[in-house]
C-alpha atoms as a PDB file:
ATOM      1  CA  MET A   1     -23.072-135.078-187.731  1.00  0.00           C
ATOM      2  CA  SER A   2     -22.852-132.451-185.005  1.00  0.00           C
ATOM      3  CA  LEU A   3     -19.448-131.965-183.391  1.00  0.00           C
ATOM      4  CA  ASN A   4     -20.959-130.781-180.134  1.00  0.00           C
ATOM      5  CA  GLN A   5     -19.823-132.465-176.930  1.00  0.00           C
ATOM      6  CA  ILE A   6     -21.730-131.207-173.905  1.00  0.00           C
ATOM      7  CA  LEU A   7     -22.136-132.221-170.268  1.00  0.00           C
ATOM      8  CA  ALA A   8     -24.844-130.231-168.457  1.00  0.00           C
ATOM      9  CA  PHE A   9     -25.183-131.108-164.761  1.00  0.00           C
ATOM     10  CA  SER A  10     -28.125-130.049-162.636  1.00  0.00           C
ATOM     11  CA  SER A  11     -25.883-129.147-159.699  1.00  0.00           C
ATOM     12  CA  SER A  12     -22.374-129.286-158.276  1.00  0.00           C
ATOM     13  CA  ARG A  13     -23.467-131.382-155.281  1.00  0.00           C
ATOM     14  CA  VAL A  14     -25.834-134.266-154.636  1.00  0.00           C
ATOM     15  CA  GLY A  15     -27.191-134.686-151.107  1.00  0.00           C
ATOM     16  CA  ASN A  16     -24.304-134.713-148.629  1.00  0.00           C
ATOM     17  CA  ASN A  17     -21.671-135.534-151.243  1.00  0.00           C
ATOM     18  CA  GLY A  18     -18.657-133.320-151.774  1.00  0.00           C
ATOM     19  CA  TYR A  19     -18.294-130.602-154.395  1.00  0.00           C
ATOM     20  CA  LEU A  20     -18.417-132.144-157.900  1.00  0.00           C
ATOM     21  CA  GLN A  21     -18.070-135.618-156.347  1.00  0.00           C
ATOM     22  CA  MET A  22     -20.831-137.072-158.488  1.00  0.00           C
ATOM     23  CA  ALA A  23     -19.565-135.224-161.564  1.00  0.00           C
ATOM     24  CA  LEU A  24     -15.937-136.319-161.285  1.00  0.00           C
ATOM     25  CA  PRO A  25     -16.211-139.843-162.785  1.00  0.00           C
ATOM     26  CA  VAL A  26     -18.632-138.588-165.443  1.00  0.00           C
ATOM     27  CA  ILE A  27     -16.187-135.843-166.461  1.00  0.00           C
ATOM     28  CA  LYS A  28     -13.316-138.337-166.556  1.00  0.00           C
ATOM     29  CA  ASN A  29     -15.280-140.667-168.810  1.00  0.00           C
ATOM     30  CA  PHE A  30     -16.391-137.725-170.979  1.00  0.00           C
ATOM     31  CA  LEU A  31     -12.939-136.186-171.508  1.00  0.00           C
ATOM     32  CA  GLY A  32     -10.635-139.209-171.248  1.00  0.00           C
ATOM     33  CA  ASP A  33      -7.126-139.523-169.811  1.00  0.00           C
ATOM     34  CA  LYS A  34      -5.199-137.064-171.977  1.00  0.00           C
ATOM     35  CA  PRO A  35      -3.844-133.877-170.352  1.00  0.00           C
ATOM     36  CA  LEU A  36      -6.191-131.074-171.345  1.00  0.00           C
ATOM     37  CA  ASN A  37      -6.326-127.333-170.793  1.00  0.00           C
ATOM     38  CA  ILE A  38      -9.694-126.439-169.232  1.00  0.00           C
ATOM     39  CA  THR A  39     -10.744-122.813-169.082  1.00  0.00           C
ATOM     40  CA  PHE A  40     -13.124-122.244-166.205  1.00  0.00           C
ATOM     41  CA  ILE A  41     -15.655-119.417-166.493  1.00  0.00           C
ATOM     42  CA  PRO A  42     -16.639-118.380-162.927  1.00  0.00           C
ATOM     43  CA  PHE A  43     -18.780-115.350-163.782  1.00  0.00           C
ATOM     44  CA  ALA A  44     -21.906-116.746-162.092  1.00  0.00           C
ATOM     45  CA  LEU A  45     -20.243-115.948-158.760  1.00  0.00           C
ATOM     46  CA  VAL A  46     -21.716-112.701-157.468  1.00  0.00           C
ATOM     47  CA  ASN A  47     -18.821-111.659-155.191  1.00  0.00           C
ATOM     48  CA  ASN A  48     -16.306-111.839-158.094  1.00  0.00           C
ATOM     49  CA  ASP A  49     -13.694-113.854-156.131  1.00  0.00           C
ATOM     50  CA  TYR A  50     -12.978-115.864-159.231  1.00  0.00           C
ATOM     51  CA  GLU A  51      -9.604-117.267-158.168  1.00  0.00           C
ATOM     52  CA  ALA A  52     -11.122-118.704-154.982  1.00  0.00           C
ATOM     53  CA  TYR A  53     -13.928-120.289-156.999  1.00  0.00           C
ATOM     54  CA  THR A  54     -11.427-121.819-159.410  1.00  0.00           C
ATOM     55  CA  THR A  55      -9.407-123.213-156.498  1.00  0.00           C
ATOM     56  CA  ILE A  56     -12.515-125.051-155.254  1.00  0.00           C
ATOM     57  CA  VAL A  57     -13.017-126.593-158.697  1.00  0.00           C
ATOM     58  CA  GLN A  58      -9.334-127.484-159.036  1.00  0.00           C
ATOM     59  CA  GLU A  59      -9.363-129.206-155.657  1.00  0.00           C
ATOM     60  CA  ALA A  60     -12.514-131.153-156.511  1.00  0.00           C
ATOM     61  CA  LEU A  61     -11.027-132.417-159.791  1.00  0.00           C
ATOM     62  CA  LYS A  62      -7.372-132.735-158.697  1.00  0.00           C
ATOM     63  CA  GLU A  63      -7.140-136.459-159.457  1.00  0.00           C
ATOM     64  CA  LEU A  64      -7.902-135.817-163.128  1.00  0.00           C
ATOM     65  CA  PRO A  65      -5.066-135.047-165.588  1.00  0.00           C
ATOM     66  CA  TYR A  66      -6.320-131.604-166.536  1.00  0.00           C
ATOM     67  CA  THR A  67      -5.035-128.061-166.046  1.00  0.00           C
ATOM     68  CA  ILE A  68      -7.839-125.700-164.977  1.00  0.00           C
ATOM     69  CA  GLN A  69      -7.330-121.996-165.602  1.00  0.00           C
ATOM     70  CA  THR A  70      -9.461-119.088-164.449  1.00  0.00           C
ATOM     71  CA  VAL A  71     -11.158-116.871-166.995  1.00  0.00           C
ATOM     72  CA  GLN A  72     -10.996-113.253-165.868  1.00  0.00           C
ATOM     73  CA  PRO A  73     -12.711-110.424-167.744  1.00  0.00           C
ATOM     74  CA  ALA A  74      -9.341-109.013-168.809  1.00  0.00           C
ATOM     75  CA  ASN A  75      -8.078-112.231-170.415  1.00  0.00           C
ATOM     76  CA  ALA A  76     -11.352-113.897-171.324  1.00  0.00           C
ATOM     77  CA  LYS A  77     -11.165-113.866-175.124  1.00  0.00           C
ATOM     78  CA  ALA A  78      -7.553-115.017-175.300  1.00  0.00           C
ATOM     79  CA  ILE A  79      -7.822-117.807-172.741  1.00  0.00           C
ATOM     80  CA  ILE A  80     -11.078-119.174-174.182  1.00  0.00           C
ATOM     81  CA  ALA A  81      -9.556-119.170-177.681  1.00  0.00           C
ATOM     82  CA  GLN A  82      -6.809-121.560-176.556  1.00  0.00           C
ATOM     83  CA  ALA A  83      -9.022-123.826-174.443  1.00  0.00           C
ATOM     84  CA  ASP A  84      -9.225-127.568-174.991  1.00  0.00           C
ATOM     85  CA  VAL A  85     -12.365-127.599-172.827  1.00  0.00           C
ATOM     86  CA  ILE A  86     -14.769-124.876-171.666  1.00  0.00           C
ATOM     87  CA  MET A  87     -16.174-125.296-168.161  1.00  0.00           C
ATOM     88  CA  VAL A  88     -18.827-122.973-166.697  1.00  0.00           C
ATOM     89  CA  GLY A  89     -19.699-123.036-163.008  1.00  0.00           C
ATOM     90  CA  GLY A  90     -22.919-122.413-161.166  1.00  0.00           C
ATOM     91  CA  GLY A  91     -24.117-119.412-159.224  1.00  0.00           C
ATOM     92  CA  ASN A  92     -26.464-116.723-160.472  1.00  0.00           C
ATOM     93  CA  THR A  93     -27.539-117.184-164.087  1.00  0.00           C
ATOM     94  CA  PHE A  94     -28.336-113.496-164.653  1.00  0.00           C
ATOM     95  CA  LYS A  95     -24.875-112.481-163.426  1.00  0.00           C
ATOM     96  CA  LEU A  96     -23.231-115.144-165.599  1.00  0.00           C
ATOM     97  CA  LEU A  97     -25.011-114.083-168.775  1.00  0.00           C
ATOM     98  CA  HIS A  98     -24.517-110.387-167.985  1.00  0.00           C
ATOM     99  CA  ASP A  99     -20.750-110.850-167.770  1.00  0.00           C
ATOM    100  CA  ILE A 100     -20.613-113.053-170.861  1.00  0.00           C
ATOM    101  CA  TYR A 101     -22.306-110.277-172.837  1.00  0.00           C
ATOM    102  CA  ASP A 102     -20.192-107.612-171.149  1.00  0.00           C
ATOM    103  CA  CYS A 103     -17.004-109.413-172.213  1.00  0.00           C
ATOM    104  CA  GLN A 104     -18.411-110.109-175.704  1.00  0.00           C
ATOM    105  CA  LEU A 105     -18.001-113.857-175.269  1.00  0.00           C
ATOM    106  CA  LEU A 106     -21.341-115.317-176.338  1.00  0.00           C
ATOM    107  CA  ASP A 107     -20.460-115.886-179.994  1.00  0.00           C
ATOM    108  CA  ILE A 108     -16.897-116.933-179.132  1.00  0.00           C
ATOM    109  CA  ILE A 109     -18.093-119.668-176.758  1.00  0.00           C
ATOM    110  CA  ARG A 110     -20.864-120.815-179.098  1.00  0.00           C
ATOM    111  CA  ASP A 111     -18.582-120.997-182.139  1.00  0.00           C
ATOM    112  CA  LYS A 112     -15.879-122.849-180.242  1.00  0.00           C
ATOM    113  CA  VAL A 113     -18.291-125.451-178.889  1.00  0.00           C
ATOM    114  CA  ASN A 114     -19.951-125.844-182.295  1.00  0.00           C
ATOM    115  CA  SER A 115     -16.463-126.521-183.692  1.00  0.00           C
ATOM    116  CA  GLY A 116     -15.963-129.465-181.328  1.00  0.00           C
ATOM    117  CA  THR A 117     -14.563-128.055-178.080  1.00  0.00           C
ATOM    118  CA  PRO A 118     -16.175-129.945-175.163  1.00  0.00           C
ATOM    119  CA  TYR A 119     -18.424-127.886-172.882  1.00  0.00           C
ATOM    120  CA  ILE A 120     -19.097-128.763-169.231  1.00  0.00           C
ATOM    121  CA  GLY A 121     -21.489-126.771-167.043  1.00  0.00           C
ATOM    122  CA  TRP A 122     -23.509-127.094-163.894  1.00  0.00           C
ATOM    123  CA  SER A 123     -26.491-125.152-162.565  1.00  0.00           C
ATOM    124  CA  ALA A 124     -26.155-121.680-164.133  1.00  0.00           C
ATOM    125  CA  GLY A 125     -23.551-123.114-166.497  1.00  0.00           C
ATOM    126  CA  SER A 126     -26.185-125.564-167.716  1.00  0.00           C
ATOM    127  CA  ASN A 127     -28.929-122.937-167.888  1.00  0.00           C
ATOM    128  CA  ILE A 128     -27.085-121.001-170.583  1.00  0.00           C
ATOM    129  CA  THR A 129     -26.814-124.000-172.930  1.00  0.00           C
ATOM    130  CA  GLY A 130     -30.454-123.511-173.964  1.00  0.00           C
ATOM    131  CA  PRO A 131     -31.946-120.807-176.186  1.00  0.00           C
ATOM    132  CA  GLY A 132     -32.533-118.512-173.196  1.00  0.00           C
ATOM    133  CA  ILE A 133     -32.435-118.303-169.418  1.00  0.00           C
ATOM    134  CA  GLY A 134     -36.179-117.958-168.828  1.00  0.00           C
ATOM    135  CA  THR A 135     -36.320-121.230-166.871  1.00  0.00           C
ATOM    136  CA  THR A 136     -33.618-120.408-164.333  1.00  0.00           C
ATOM    137  CA  ASN A 137     -34.504-120.509-160.631  1.00  0.00           C
ATOM    138  CA  ASP A 138     -32.345-117.459-159.848  1.00  0.00           C
ATOM    139  CA  MET A 139     -33.324-113.924-158.951  1.00  0.00           C
ATOM    140  CA  PRO A 140     -32.480-111.236-161.524  1.00  0.00           C
ATOM    141  CA  VAL A 141     -29.816-109.508-159.425  1.00  0.00           C
ATOM    142  CA  ILE A 142     -28.456-107.803-162.545  1.00  0.00           C
ATOM    143  CA  ALA A 143     -29.895-107.296-166.022  1.00  0.00           C
ATOM    144  CA  PRO A 144     -27.988-108.953-168.878  1.00  0.00           C
ATOM    145  CA  LYS A 145     -28.044-107.338-172.304  1.00  0.00           C
ATOM    146  CA  SER A 146     -30.449-110.071-173.400  1.00  0.00           C
ATOM    147  CA  PHE A 147     -32.011-113.257-172.021  1.00  0.00           C
ATOM    148  CA  ASN A 148     -30.799-115.050-175.173  1.00  0.00           C
ATOM    149  CA  ALA A 149     -28.178-117.638-174.267  1.00  0.00           C
ATOM    150  CA  LEU A 150     -25.828-119.987-176.146  1.00  0.00           C
ATOM    151  CA  GLY A 151     -28.532-122.024-177.869  1.00  0.00           C
ATOM    152  CA  LEU A 152     -26.386-125.162-177.908  1.00  0.00           C
ATOM    153  CA  PHE A 153     -29.522-127.152-177.113  1.00  0.00           C
ATOM    154  CA  PRO A 154     -32.874-126.425-178.847  1.00  0.00           C
ATOM    155  CA  PHE A 155     -34.705-126.707-175.526  1.00  0.00           C
ATOM    156  CA  GLN A 156     -34.669-125.080-172.110  1.00  0.00           C
ATOM    157  CA  ILE A 157     -33.079-126.537-168.979  1.00  0.00           C
ATOM    158  CA  ASN A 158     -34.331-126.188-165.419  1.00  0.00           C
ATOM    159  CA  PRO A 159     -31.609-127.289-162.966  1.00  0.00           C
ATOM    160  CA  HIS A 160     -32.157-128.226-159.299  1.00  0.00           C
ATOM    161  CA  TYR A 161     -35.603-129.425-160.284  1.00  0.00           C
ATOM    162  CA  THR A 162     -38.083-130.326-157.561  1.00  0.00           C
ATOM    163  CA  ASN A 163     -41.824-129.894-157.363  1.00  0.00           C
ATOM    164  CA  VAL A 164     -42.152-130.223-153.590  1.00  0.00           C
ATOM    165  CA  LYS A 165     -44.700-127.861-152.043  1.00  0.00           C
ATOM    166  CA  PRO A 166     -44.290-127.367-148.276  1.00  0.00           C
ATOM    167  CA  ALA A 167     -47.423-127.550-146.162  1.00  0.00           C
ATOM    168  CA  GLY A 168     -49.031-124.134-145.810  1.00  0.00           C
ATOM    169  CA  HIS A 169     -47.065-122.639-148.711  1.00  0.00           C
ATOM    170  CA  HIS A 170     -49.266-120.674-151.118  1.00  0.00           C
ATOM    171  CA  GLY A 171     -46.754-119.729-153.797  1.00  0.00           C
ATOM    172  CA  GLU A 172     -46.523-121.453-157.143  1.00  0.00           C
ATOM    173  CA  THR A 173     -44.854-124.831-157.465  1.00  0.00           C
ATOM    174  CA  ARG A 174     -41.938-125.323-159.840  1.00  0.00           C
ATOM    175  CA  ASP A 175     -44.223-127.089-162.290  1.00  0.00           C
ATOM    176  CA  GLN A 176     -46.597-124.136-162.294  1.00  0.00           C
ATOM    177  CA  ARG A 177     -43.725-121.738-162.989  1.00  0.00           C
ATOM    178  CA  LEU A 178     -42.458-123.878-165.848  1.00  0.00           C
ATOM    179  CA  GLU A 179     -45.971-124.178-167.279  1.00  0.00           C
ATOM    180  CA  GLU A 180     -46.212-120.372-167.220  1.00  0.00           C
ATOM    181  CA  PHE A 181     -43.023-120.244-169.295  1.00  0.00           C
ATOM    182  CA  MET A 182     -44.520-122.711-171.741  1.00  0.00           C
ATOM    183  CA  GLN A 183     -47.662-120.629-172.162  1.00  0.00           C
ATOM    184  CA  MET A 184     -45.530-117.615-173.072  1.00  0.00           C
ATOM    185  CA  ASN A 185     -43.129-119.635-175.278  1.00  0.00           C
ATOM    186  CA  PRO A 186     -45.233-122.119-177.272  1.00  0.00           C
ATOM    187  CA  GLY A 187     -43.396-125.064-178.772  1.00  0.00           C
ATOM    188  CA  LEU A 188     -40.226-124.769-176.676  1.00  0.00           C
ATOM    189  CA  PRO A 189     -39.612-127.884-174.533  1.00  0.00           C
ATOM    190  CA  ILE A 190     -38.019-127.880-171.087  1.00  0.00           C
ATOM    191  CA  VAL A 191     -35.848-130.596-169.564  1.00  0.00           C
ATOM    192  CA  ALA A 192     -36.122-130.347-165.778  1.00  0.00           C
ATOM    193  CA  LEU A 193     -33.064-131.912-164.105  1.00  0.00           C
ATOM    194  CA  PRO A 194     -33.212-133.018-160.448  1.00  0.00           C
ATOM    195  CA  GLU A 195     -29.936-132.838-158.542  1.00  0.00           C
ATOM    196  CA  GLY A 196     -27.826-135.878-159.334  1.00  0.00           C
ATOM    197  CA  THR A 197     -28.681-135.883-163.037  1.00  0.00           C
ATOM    198  CA  ALA A 198     -27.073-134.477-166.164  1.00  0.00           C
ATOM    199  CA  LEU A 199     -27.435-134.355-169.918  1.00  0.00           C
ATOM    200  CA  GLN A 200     -24.635-135.716-172.086  1.00  0.00           C
ATOM    201  CA  LEU A 201     -24.384-134.966-175.798  1.00  0.00           C
ATOM    202  CA  GLY A 202     -21.910-136.560-178.164  1.00  0.00           C
ATOM    203  CA  GLY A 203     -22.078-137.878-181.705  1.00  0.00           C
ATOM    204  CA  ASN A 204     -25.625-136.565-182.171  1.00  0.00           C
ATOM    205  CA  LYS A 205     -26.778-138.711-179.231  1.00  0.00           C
ATOM    206  CA  LEU A 206     -28.289-137.051-176.180  1.00  0.00           C
ATOM    207  CA  LYS A 207     -28.908-139.061-173.017  1.00  0.00           C
ATOM    208  CA  LEU A 208     -29.797-138.568-169.384  1.00  0.00           C
ATOM    209  CA  ILE A 209     -27.012-139.361-166.902  1.00  0.00           C
ATOM    210  CA  GLY A 210     -27.661-140.288-163.267  1.00  0.00           C
ATOM    211  CA  GLU A 211     -29.440-142.801-161.072  1.00  0.00           C
ATOM    212  CA  LYS A 212     -32.789-141.016-161.111  1.00  0.00           C
ATOM    213  CA  GLY A 213     -35.144-139.728-163.743  1.00  0.00           C
ATOM    214  CA  ALA A 214     -35.925-136.220-164.908  1.00  0.00           C
ATOM    215  CA  VAL A 215     -39.034-134.499-166.292  1.00  0.00           C
ATOM    216  CA  LEU A 216     -39.782-133.358-169.837  1.00  0.00           C
ATOM    217  CA  PHE A 217     -42.243-130.503-170.331  1.00  0.00           C
ATOM    218  CA  TYR A 218     -43.374-130.530-173.952  1.00  0.00           C
ATOM    219  CA  TRP A 219     -46.185-129.716-176.373  1.00  0.00           C
ATOM    220  CA  ASP A 220     -48.276-132.720-177.397  1.00  0.00           C
ATOM    221  CA  GLU A 221     -49.865-133.513-180.774  1.00  0.00           C
ATOM    222  CA  ASN A 222     -52.797-131.247-179.875  1.00  0.00           C
ATOM    223  CA  ASP A 223     -50.462-128.342-179.080  1.00  0.00           C
ATOM    224  CA  LEU A 224     -51.244-128.643-175.387  1.00  0.00           C
ATOM    225  CA  ALA A 225     -48.656-128.323-172.638  1.00  0.00           C
ATOM    226  CA  ALA A 226     -47.811-131.735-171.192  1.00  0.00           C
ATOM    227  CA  LYS A 227     -45.124-133.408-169.102  1.00  0.00           C
ATOM    228  CA  ARG A 228     -43.704-136.877-168.642  1.00  0.00           C
ATOM    229  CA  GLU A 229     -40.931-138.614-166.739  1.00  0.00           C
ATOM    230  CA  ILE A 230     -37.572-139.118-168.407  1.00  0.00           C
ATOM    231  CA  LEU A 231     -36.031-142.413-167.320  1.00  0.00           C
ATOM    232  CA  ALA A 232     -32.426-142.744-166.190  1.00  0.00           C
ATOM    233  CA  SER A 233     -30.143-143.356-169.197  1.00  0.00           C
ATOM    234  CA  GLU A 234     -32.998-142.603-171.620  1.00  0.00           C
ATOM    235  CA  ASP A 235     -32.050-141.601-175.159  1.00  0.00           C
ATOM    236  CA  LEU A 236     -33.257-138.043-175.690  1.00  0.00           C
ATOM    237  CA  SER A 237     -31.831-137.539-179.160  1.00  0.00           C
ATOM    238  CA  PHE A 238     -35.327-136.824-180.483  1.00  0.00           C
ATOM    239  CA  LEU A 239     -35.071-133.409-178.775  1.00  0.00           C
ATOM    240  CA  LEU A 240     -32.133-132.318-180.928  1.00  0.00           C
END
């Protein structure tokens, strides 16, 4: 049985709710009531004001019995090694993965999570749980060493999912962009998460969290790209 415990949120906010408001009760249920040391990786923030970012997260989760510490490039390996929980915030996925490679953290994070340390991410922090970051919505503001990510899930994630096309807009829809990825990466599924949803993995069981559904892009029995709705609370363990 896999030891992996993962919470991958689409976003930090839902509608007009506060920062991590929707995530707070889910995190509490996921981690329990014991005091835990959470190391927060803020590298997706482009302006590098990591302490300010951590303060926002600490304030949002202040009612929970956890200590949240900032991971800085200078202390990254040591602080992650002693973490009870790894938490990775949103921002720019290319910047996040660039810094993870730059600090030589990819294998350290992966090995620690595969050994049972809970992982919580949102937006960019969820993007990197898949094999690669090719389904991010972000602009490549910096080039990481590789697009290969943590590979904690054997499928891609697309956070902030919506397929709305404004009137008069002639660019591709989100679905079209994701279908392009599928054409270039045959056989690799994508879970597209609307805001307000998350994936939760524990005990080899993967399920969708939230009050709304999500979308699965997959390859059917004829090796054709297809998609279907994922229902709220649906068991997705077949994707593991």
